[in-house]
Amino acid sequence: MTDISSVTSSATAYVARQTADLNKAASAATASFASTLSKVQNAVGLGPRTGFTAGPTYEANTLAGQTKAAFDNALSATKTALHIKP
């Protein structure tokens, strides 16, 4: 007969591994997405509407920054819905 503590331990390890894998995938997807958007933005000639060239204000006023923020918000909402802690 299987011991309940070993089942619980296995389940906890499985959930932790899945959460870690999800966080790694999210980080990789975010970086790849931001990089692609930046390249498209530069190719199309879309630039920021302010005099800033770096930082939060710069990112908030670029297509890449706004899209990255939307992606991050969607990812955060998904983690919250699935009760995944960072």
PDB file of N, CA and C in Angstrom:
ATOM      1  N   MET A   1       0.831  -1.174   0.000  1.00  0.00           N
ATOM      2  CA  MET A   1       0.000   0.000   0.000  1.00  0.00           C
ATOM      3  C   MET A   1       0.885   1.250   0.000  1.00  0.00           C
ATOM      4  N   THR A   2       0.455   2.272  -0.699  1.00  0.00           N
ATOM      5  CA  THR A   2       1.234   3.500  -0.827  1.00  0.00           C
ATOM      6  C   THR A   2       1.038   4.396   0.385  1.00  0.00           C
ATOM      7  N   ASP A   3       2.117   4.934   0.873  1.00  0.00           N
ATOM      8  CA  ASP A   3       2.075   5.847   2.007  1.00  0.00           C
ATOM      9  C   ASP A   3       1.568   7.209   1.540  1.00  0.00           C
ATOM     10  N   ILE A   4       0.651   7.813   2.279  1.00  0.00           N
ATOM     11  CA  ILE A   4       0.040   9.090   1.882  1.00  0.00           C
ATOM     12  C   ILE A   4       1.070  10.217   1.823  1.00  0.00           C
ATOM     13  N   SER A   5       2.079  10.172   2.669  1.00  0.00           N
ATOM     14  CA  SER A   5       3.097  11.226   2.661  1.00  0.00           C
ATOM     15  C   SER A   5       3.929  11.178   1.379  1.00  0.00           C
ATOM     16  N   SER A   6       4.182   9.992   0.850  1.00  0.00           N
ATOM     17  CA  SER A   6       4.949   9.910  -0.404  1.00  0.00           C
ATOM     18  C   SER A   6       4.117  10.416  -1.573  1.00  0.00           C
ATOM     19  N   VAL A   7       2.804  10.175  -1.543  1.00  0.00           N
ATOM     20  CA  VAL A   7       1.923  10.693  -2.593  1.00  0.00           C
ATOM     21  C   VAL A   7       1.876  12.213  -2.520  1.00  0.00           C
ATOM     22  N   THR A   8       1.727  12.739  -1.323  1.00  0.00           N
ATOM     23  CA  THR A   8       1.685  14.188  -1.131  1.00  0.00           C
ATOM     24  C   THR A   8       2.996  14.824  -1.553  1.00  0.00           C
ATOM     25  N   SER A   9       4.100  14.202  -1.171  1.00  0.00           N
ATOM     26  CA  SER A   9       5.417  14.712  -1.539  1.00  0.00           C
ATOM     27  C   SER A   9       5.609  14.715  -3.054  1.00  0.00           C
ATOM     28  N   SER A  10       5.186  13.633  -3.695  1.00  0.00           N
ATOM     29  CA  SER A  10       5.303  13.542  -5.153  1.00  0.00           C
ATOM     30  C   SER A  10       4.445  14.591  -5.842  1.00  0.00           C
ATOM     31  N   ALA A  11       3.240  14.788  -5.345  1.00  0.00           N
ATOM     32  CA  ALA A  11       2.334  15.783  -5.931  1.00  0.00           C
ATOM     33  C   ALA A  11       2.899  17.184  -5.757  1.00  0.00           C
ATOM     34  N   THR A  12       3.440  17.472  -4.590  1.00  0.00           N
ATOM     35  CA  THR A  12       4.024  18.786  -4.328  1.00  0.00           C
ATOM     36  C   THR A  12       5.222  19.033  -5.240  1.00  0.00           C
ATOM     37  N   ALA A  13       6.061  18.033  -5.396  1.00  0.00           N
ATOM     38  CA  ALA A  13       7.233  18.166  -6.274  1.00  0.00           C
ATOM     39  C   ALA A  13       6.798  18.368  -7.719  1.00  0.00           C
ATOM     40  N   TYR A  14       5.767  17.658  -8.142  1.00  0.00           N
ATOM     41  CA  TYR A  14       5.258  17.792  -9.510  1.00  0.00           C
ATOM     42  C   TYR A  14       4.737  19.209  -9.759  1.00  0.00           C
ATOM     43  N   VAL A  15       3.935  19.727  -8.833  1.00  0.00           N
ATOM     44  CA  VAL A  15       3.383  21.085  -8.983  1.00  0.00           C
ATOM     45  C   VAL A  15       4.509  22.116  -8.969  1.00  0.00           C
ATOM     46  N   ALA A  16       5.480  21.952  -8.098  1.00  0.00           N
ATOM     47  CA  ALA A  16       6.605  22.889  -8.038  1.00  0.00           C
ATOM     48  C   ALA A  16       7.397  22.875  -9.337  1.00  0.00           C
ATOM     49  N   ARG A  17       7.604  21.681  -9.898  1.00  0.00           N
ATOM     50  CA  ARG A  17       8.340  21.562 -11.156  1.00  0.00           C
ATOM     51  C   ARG A  17       7.563  22.219 -12.303  1.00  0.00           C
ATOM     52  N   GLN A  18       6.255  22.004 -12.329  1.00  0.00           N
ATOM     53  CA  GLN A  18       5.427  22.611 -13.374  1.00  0.00           C
ATOM     54  C   GLN A  18       5.417  24.137 -13.258  1.00  0.00           C
ATOM     55  N   THR A  19       5.363  24.641 -12.046  1.00  0.00           N
ATOM     56  CA  THR A  19       5.387  26.083 -11.811  1.00  0.00           C
ATOM     57  C   THR A  19       6.721  26.674 -12.259  1.00  0.00           C
ATOM     58  N   ALA A  20       7.815  26.000 -11.926  1.00  0.00           N
ATOM     59  CA  ALA A  20       9.138  26.474 -12.341  1.00  0.00           C
ATOM     60  C   ALA A  20       9.257  26.467 -13.857  1.00  0.00           C
ATOM     61  N   ASP A  21       8.768  25.407 -14.491  1.00  0.00           N
ATOM     62  CA  ASP A  21       8.815  25.331 -15.957  1.00  0.00           C
ATOM     63  C   ASP A  21       7.972  26.433 -16.592  1.00  0.00           C
ATOM     64  N   LEU A  22       6.813  26.714 -16.003  1.00  0.00           N
ATOM     65  CA  LEU A  22       5.952  27.781 -16.517  1.00  0.00           C
ATOM     66  C   LEU A  22       6.642  29.132 -16.394  1.00  0.00           C
ATOM     67  N   ASN A  23       7.297  29.372 -15.272  1.00  0.00           N
ATOM     68  CA  ASN A  23       8.010  30.642 -15.077  1.00  0.00           C
ATOM     69  C   ASN A  23       9.163  30.786 -16.074  1.00  0.00           C
ATOM     70  N   LYS A  24       9.888  29.700 -16.330  1.00  0.00           N
ATOM     71  CA  LYS A  24      10.978  29.742 -17.312  1.00  0.00           C
ATOM     72  C   LYS A  24      10.435  30.031 -18.704  1.00  0.00           C
ATOM     73  N   ALA A  25       9.355  29.360 -19.054  1.00  0.00           N
ATOM     74  CA  ALA A  25       8.747  29.568 -20.380  1.00  0.00           C
ATOM     75  C   ALA A  25       8.224  30.982 -20.514  1.00  0.00           C
ATOM     76  N   ALA A  26       7.630  31.491 -19.460  1.00  0.00           N
ATOM     77  CA  ALA A  26       7.107  32.864 -19.493  1.00  0.00           C
ATOM     78  C   ALA A  26       8.233  33.869 -19.675  1.00  0.00           C
ATOM     79  N   SER A  27       9.336  33.669 -18.977  1.00  0.00           N
ATOM     80  CA  SER A  27      10.482  34.576 -19.108  1.00  0.00           C
ATOM     81  C   SER A  27      11.053  34.534 -20.522  1.00  0.00           C
ATOM     82  N   ALA A  28      11.196  33.342 -21.052  1.00  0.00           N
ATOM     83  CA  ALA A  28      11.738  33.198 -22.405  1.00  0.00           C
ATOM     84  C   ALA A  28      10.791  33.809 -23.438  1.00  0.00           C
ATOM     85  N   ALA A  29       9.506  33.574 -23.276  1.00  0.00           N
ATOM     86  CA  ALA A  29       8.524  34.126 -24.218  1.00  0.00           C
ATOM     87  C   ALA A  29       8.489  35.639 -24.141  1.00  0.00           C
ATOM     88  N   THR A  30       8.562  36.177 -22.936  1.00  0.00           N
ATOM     89  CA  THR A  30       8.548  37.630 -22.762  1.00  0.00           C
ATOM     90  C   THR A  30       9.772  38.260 -23.427  1.00  0.00           C
ATOM     91  N   ALA A  31      10.939  37.681 -23.196  1.00  0.00           N
ATOM     92  CA  ALA A  31      12.166  38.215 -23.784  1.00  0.00           C
ATOM     93  C   ALA A  31      12.130  38.125 -25.312  1.00  0.00           C
ATOM     94  N   SER A  32      11.683  36.997 -25.818  1.00  0.00           N
ATOM     95  CA  SER A  32      11.603  36.813 -27.268  1.00  0.00           C
ATOM     96  C   SER A  32      10.590  37.767 -27.885  1.00  0.00           C
ATOM     97  N   PHE A  33       9.460  37.908 -27.231  1.00  0.00           N
ATOM     98  CA  PHE A  33       8.399  38.791 -27.716  1.00  0.00           C
ATOM     99  C   PHE A  33       8.872  40.245 -27.728  1.00  0.00           C
ATOM    100  N   ALA A  34       9.514  40.672 -26.641  1.00  0.00           N
ATOM    101  CA  ALA A  34      10.011  42.045 -26.554  1.00  0.00           C
ATOM    102  C   ALA A  34      11.075  42.308 -27.614  1.00  0.00           C
ATOM    103  N   SER A  35      11.944  41.339 -27.834  1.00  0.00           N
ATOM    104  CA  SER A  35      12.994  41.486 -28.834  1.00  0.00           C
ATOM    105  C   SER A  35      12.398  41.615 -30.232  1.00  0.00           C
ATOM    106  N   THR A  36      11.434  40.761 -30.534  1.00  0.00           N
ATOM    107  CA  THR A  36      10.789  40.799 -31.856  1.00  0.00           C
ATOM    108  C   THR A  36      10.061  42.113 -32.065  1.00  0.00           C
ATOM    109  N   LEU A  37       9.335  42.557 -31.051  1.00  0.00           N
ATOM    110  CA  LEU A  37       8.621  43.832 -31.174  1.00  0.00           C
ATOM    111  C   LEU A  37       9.584  45.003 -31.360  1.00  0.00           C
ATOM    112  N   SER A  38      10.699  44.954 -30.663  1.00  0.00           N
ATOM    113  CA  SER A  38      11.689  46.011 -30.803  1.00  0.00           C
ATOM    114  C   SER A  38      12.243  46.051 -32.223  1.00  0.00           C
ATOM    115  N   LYS A  39      12.518  44.873 -32.779  1.00  0.00           N
ATOM    116  CA  LYS A  39      13.035  44.809 -34.148  1.00  0.00           C
ATOM    117  C   LYS A  39      12.001  45.331 -35.143  1.00  0.00           C
ATOM    118  N   VAL A  40      10.744  44.957 -34.947  1.00  0.00           N
ATOM    119  CA  VAL A  40       9.682  45.446 -35.836  1.00  0.00           C
ATOM    120  C   VAL A  40       9.531  46.953 -35.697  1.00  0.00           C
ATOM    121  N   GLN A  41       9.569  47.421 -34.474  1.00  0.00           N
ATOM    122  CA  GLN A  41       9.447  48.858 -34.218  1.00  0.00           C
ATOM    123  C   GLN A  41      10.562  49.626 -34.925  1.00  0.00           C
ATOM    124  N   ASN A  42      11.774  49.145 -34.849  1.00  0.00           N
ATOM    125  CA  ASN A  42      12.899  49.808 -35.506  1.00  0.00           C
ATOM    126  C   ASN A  42      12.790  49.725 -37.018  1.00  0.00           C
ATOM    127  N   ALA A  43      12.342  48.578 -37.521  1.00  0.00           N
ATOM    128  CA  ALA A  43      12.215  48.406 -38.967  1.00  0.00           C
ATOM    129  C   ALA A  43      11.135  49.303 -39.553  1.00  0.00           C
ATOM    130  N   VAL A  44      10.039  49.451 -38.819  1.00  0.00           N
ATOM    131  CA  VAL A  44       8.927  50.264 -39.304  1.00  0.00           C
ATOM    132  C   VAL A  44       9.172  51.753 -39.056  1.00  0.00           C
ATOM    133  N   GLY A  45      10.022  52.051 -38.097  1.00  0.00           N
ATOM    134  CA  GLY A  45      10.332  53.447 -37.809  1.00  0.00           C
ATOM    135  C   GLY A  45       9.447  54.053 -36.741  1.00  0.00           C
ATOM    136  N   LEU A  46       8.820  53.211 -35.925  1.00  0.00           N
ATOM    137  CA  LEU A  46       8.003  53.726 -34.830  1.00  0.00           C
ATOM    138  C   LEU A  46       8.912  54.038 -33.657  1.00  0.00           C
ATOM    139  N   GLY A  47       8.842  55.226 -33.185  1.00  0.00           N
ATOM    140  CA  GLY A  47       9.690  55.624 -32.069  1.00  0.00           C
ATOM    141  C   GLY A  47       8.872  56.153 -30.920  1.00  0.00           C
ATOM    142  N   PRO A  48       9.502  56.422 -29.812  1.00  0.00           N
ATOM    143  CA  PRO A  48       8.788  56.966 -28.671  1.00  0.00           C
ATOM    144  C   PRO A  48       8.309  58.385 -28.945  1.00  0.00           C
ATOM    145  N   ARG A  49       7.280  58.790 -28.213  1.00  0.00           N
ATOM    146  CA  ARG A  49       6.736  60.134 -28.392  1.00  0.00           C
ATOM    147  C   ARG A  49       7.311  61.126 -27.398  1.00  0.00           C
ATOM    148  N   THR A  50       8.316  60.726 -26.650  1.00  0.00           N
ATOM    149  CA  THR A  50       8.936  61.615 -25.667  1.00  0.00           C
ATOM    150  C   THR A  50      10.413  61.757 -25.992  1.00  0.00           C
ATOM    151  N   GLY A  51      11.100  62.562 -25.220  1.00  0.00           N
ATOM    152  CA  GLY A  51      12.532  62.739 -25.415  1.00  0.00           C
ATOM    153  C   GLY A  51      13.363  61.683 -24.720  1.00  0.00           C
ATOM    154  N   PHE A  52      12.732  60.768 -24.018  1.00  0.00           N
ATOM    155  CA  PHE A  52      13.459  59.737 -23.287  1.00  0.00           C
ATOM    156  C   PHE A  52      13.985  58.682 -24.255  1.00  0.00           C
ATOM    157  N   THR A  53      15.140  58.128 -23.924  1.00  0.00           N
ATOM    158  CA  THR A  53      15.718  57.078 -24.760  1.00  0.00           C
ATOM    159  C   THR A  53      15.873  55.767 -24.012  1.00  0.00           C
ATOM    160  N   ALA A  54      15.504  55.735 -22.731  1.00  0.00           N
ATOM    161  CA  ALA A  54      15.573  54.508 -21.945  1.00  0.00           C
ATOM    162  C   ALA A  54      14.735  54.685 -20.684  1.00  0.00           C
ATOM    163  N   GLY A  55      14.423  53.585 -20.058  1.00  0.00           N
ATOM    164  CA  GLY A  55      13.701  53.621 -18.795  1.00  0.00           C
ATOM    165  C   GLY A  55      12.210  53.396 -18.952  1.00  0.00           C
ATOM    166  N   PRO A  56      11.482  53.444 -17.819  1.00  0.00           N
ATOM    167  CA  PRO A  56      10.053  53.146 -17.822  1.00  0.00           C
ATOM    168  C   PRO A  56       9.230  54.096 -18.703  1.00  0.00           C
ATOM    169  N   THR A  57       9.572  55.374 -18.715  1.00  0.00           N
ATOM    170  CA  THR A  57       8.808  56.325 -19.534  1.00  0.00           C
ATOM    171  C   THR A  57       9.007  56.028 -21.009  1.00  0.00           C
ATOM    172  N   TYR A  58      10.225  55.704 -21.388  1.00  0.00           N
ATOM    173  CA  TYR A  58      10.508  55.343 -22.778  1.00  0.00           C
ATOM    174  C   TYR A  58       9.706  54.119 -23.182  1.00  0.00           C
ATOM    175  N   GLU A  59       9.753  53.082 -22.345  1.00  0.00           N
ATOM    176  CA  GLU A  59       9.039  51.856 -22.671  1.00  0.00           C
ATOM    177  C   GLU A  59       7.531  52.063 -22.707  1.00  0.00           C
ATOM    178  N   ALA A  60       7.009  52.908 -21.824  1.00  0.00           N
ATOM    179  CA  ALA A  60       5.565  53.142 -21.785  1.00  0.00           C
ATOM    180  C   ALA A  60       5.071  53.851 -23.040  1.00  0.00           C
ATOM    181  N   ASN A  61       5.960  54.513 -23.745  1.00  0.00           N
ATOM    182  CA  ASN A  61       5.558  55.275 -24.931  1.00  0.00           C
ATOM    183  C   ASN A  61       5.997  54.633 -26.237  1.00  0.00           C
ATOM    184  N   THR A  62       6.425  53.389 -26.182  1.00  0.00           N
ATOM    185  CA  THR A  62       6.792  52.682 -27.415  1.00  0.00           C
ATOM    186  C   THR A  62       5.816  51.545 -27.645  1.00  0.00           C
ATOM    187  N   LEU A  63       5.684  51.144 -28.879  1.00  0.00           N
ATOM    188  CA  LEU A  63       4.818  50.016 -29.214  1.00  0.00           C
ATOM    189  C   LEU A  63       5.295  48.754 -28.504  1.00  0.00           C
ATOM    190  N   ALA A  64       6.596  48.538 -28.486  1.00  0.00           N
ATOM    191  CA  ALA A  64       7.146  47.347 -27.826  1.00  0.00           C
ATOM    192  C   ALA A  64       6.848  47.370 -26.331  1.00  0.00           C
ATOM    193  N   GLY A  65       7.024  48.509 -25.705  1.00  0.00           N
ATOM    194  CA  GLY A  65       6.779  48.626 -24.270  1.00  0.00           C
ATOM    195  C   GLY A  65       5.320  48.421 -23.913  1.00  0.00           C
ATOM    196  N   GLN A  66       4.434  48.999 -24.698  1.00  0.00           N
ATOM    197  CA  GLN A  66       3.006  48.850 -24.434  1.00  0.00           C
ATOM    198  C   GLN A  66       2.553  47.410 -24.650  1.00  0.00           C
ATOM    199  N   THR A  67       3.063  46.774 -25.690  1.00  0.00           N
ATOM    200  CA  THR A  67       2.685  45.388 -25.963  1.00  0.00           C
ATOM    201  C   THR A  67       3.254  44.460 -24.905  1.00  0.00           C
ATOM    202  N   LYS A  68       4.493  44.722 -24.481  1.00  0.00           N
ATOM    203  CA  LYS A  68       5.104  43.920 -23.425  1.00  0.00           C
ATOM    204  C   LYS A  68       4.298  44.060 -22.135  1.00  0.00           C
ATOM    205  N   ALA A  69       3.846  45.268 -21.816  1.00  0.00           N
ATOM    206  CA  ALA A  69       3.041  45.476 -20.616  1.00  0.00           C
ATOM    207  C   ALA A  69       1.729  44.692 -20.704  1.00  0.00           C
ATOM    208  N   ALA A  70       1.109  44.706 -21.874  1.00  0.00           N
ATOM    209  CA  ALA A  70      -0.135  43.950 -22.057  1.00  0.00           C
ATOM    210  C   ALA A  70       0.116  42.455 -21.901  1.00  0.00           C
ATOM    211  N   PHE A  71       1.226  41.972 -22.461  1.00  0.00           N
ATOM    212  CA  PHE A  71       1.589  40.563 -22.346  1.00  0.00           C
ATOM    213  C   PHE A  71       1.857  40.195 -20.892  1.00  0.00           C
ATOM    214  N   ASP A  72       2.604  41.047 -20.189  1.00  0.00           N
ATOM    215  CA  ASP A  72       2.906  40.790 -18.781  1.00  0.00           C
ATOM    216  C   ASP A  72       1.632  40.776 -17.941  1.00  0.00           C
ATOM    217  N   ASN A  73       0.710  41.695 -18.235  1.00  0.00           N
ATOM    218  CA  ASN A  73      -0.551  41.736 -17.496  1.00  0.00           C
ATOM    219  C   ASN A  73      -1.376  40.472 -17.747  1.00  0.00           C
ATOM    220  N   ALA A  74      -1.405  40.005 -18.983  1.00  0.00           N
ATOM    221  CA  ALA A  74      -2.135  38.776 -19.300  1.00  0.00           C
ATOM    222  C   ALA A  74      -1.504  37.577 -18.595  1.00  0.00           C
ATOM    223  N   LEU A  75      -0.179  37.527 -18.576  1.00  0.00           N
ATOM    224  CA  LEU A  75       0.527  36.443 -17.903  1.00  0.00           C
ATOM    225  C   LEU A  75       0.257  36.480 -16.402  1.00  0.00           C
ATOM    226  N   SER A  76       0.271  37.658 -15.827  1.00  0.00           N
ATOM    227  CA  SER A  76      -0.012  37.813 -14.403  1.00  0.00           C
ATOM    228  C   SER A  76      -1.435  37.375 -14.076  1.00  0.00           C
ATOM    229  N   ALA A  77      -2.395  37.747 -14.920  1.00  0.00           N
ATOM    230  CA  ALA A  77      -3.783  37.353 -14.699  1.00  0.00           C
ATOM    231  C   ALA A  77      -3.930  35.836 -14.787  1.00  0.00           C
ATOM    232  N   THR A  78      -3.214  35.208 -15.705  1.00  0.00           N
ATOM    233  CA  THR A  78      -3.257  33.753 -15.837  1.00  0.00           C
ATOM    234  C   THR A  78      -2.690  33.082 -14.600  1.00  0.00           C
ATOM    235  N   LYS A  79      -1.553  33.593 -14.117  1.00  0.00           N
ATOM    236  CA  LYS A  79      -0.948  33.028 -12.898  1.00  0.00           C
ATOM    237  C   LYS A  79      -1.892  33.178 -11.716  1.00  0.00           C
ATOM    238  N   THR A  80      -2.554  34.331 -11.620  1.00  0.00           N
ATOM    239  CA  THR A  80      -3.484  34.567 -10.526  1.00  0.00           C
ATOM    240  C   THR A  80      -4.668  33.601 -10.629  1.00  0.00           C
ATOM    241  N   ALA A  81      -5.193  33.428 -11.831  1.00  0.00           N
ATOM    242  CA  ALA A  81      -6.337  32.527 -12.031  1.00  0.00           C
ATOM    243  C   ALA A  81      -5.980  31.081 -11.677  1.00  0.00           C
ATOM    244  N   LEU A  82      -4.730  30.696 -11.952  1.00  0.00           N
ATOM    245  CA  LEU A  82      -4.286  29.335 -11.677  1.00  0.00           C
ATOM    246  C   LEU A  82      -3.673  29.183 -10.276  1.00  0.00           C
ATOM    247  N   HIS A  83      -3.667  30.287  -9.520  1.00  0.00           N
ATOM    248  CA  HIS A  83      -3.118  30.310  -8.153  1.00  0.00           C
ATOM    249  C   HIS A  83      -1.654  29.916  -8.132  1.00  0.00           C
ATOM    250  N   ILE A  84      -0.879  30.442  -9.066  1.00  0.00           N
ATOM    251  CA  ILE A  84       0.559  30.162  -9.131  1.00  0.00           C
ATOM    252  C   ILE A  84       1.299  31.336  -8.517  1.00  0.00           C
ATOM    253  N   LYS A  85       2.098  31.035  -7.521  1.00  0.00           N
ATOM    254  CA  LYS A  85       2.879  32.068  -6.847  1.00  0.00           C
ATOM    255  C   LYS A  85       4.244  32.177  -7.511  1.00  0.00           C
ATOM    256  N   PRO A  86       4.776  33.418  -7.649  1.00  0.00           N
ATOM    257  CA  PRO A  86       6.106  33.572  -8.284  1.00  0.00           C
ATOM    258  C   PRO A  86       7.222  33.025  -7.428  1.00  0.00           C
TER     259      PRO A  86
END
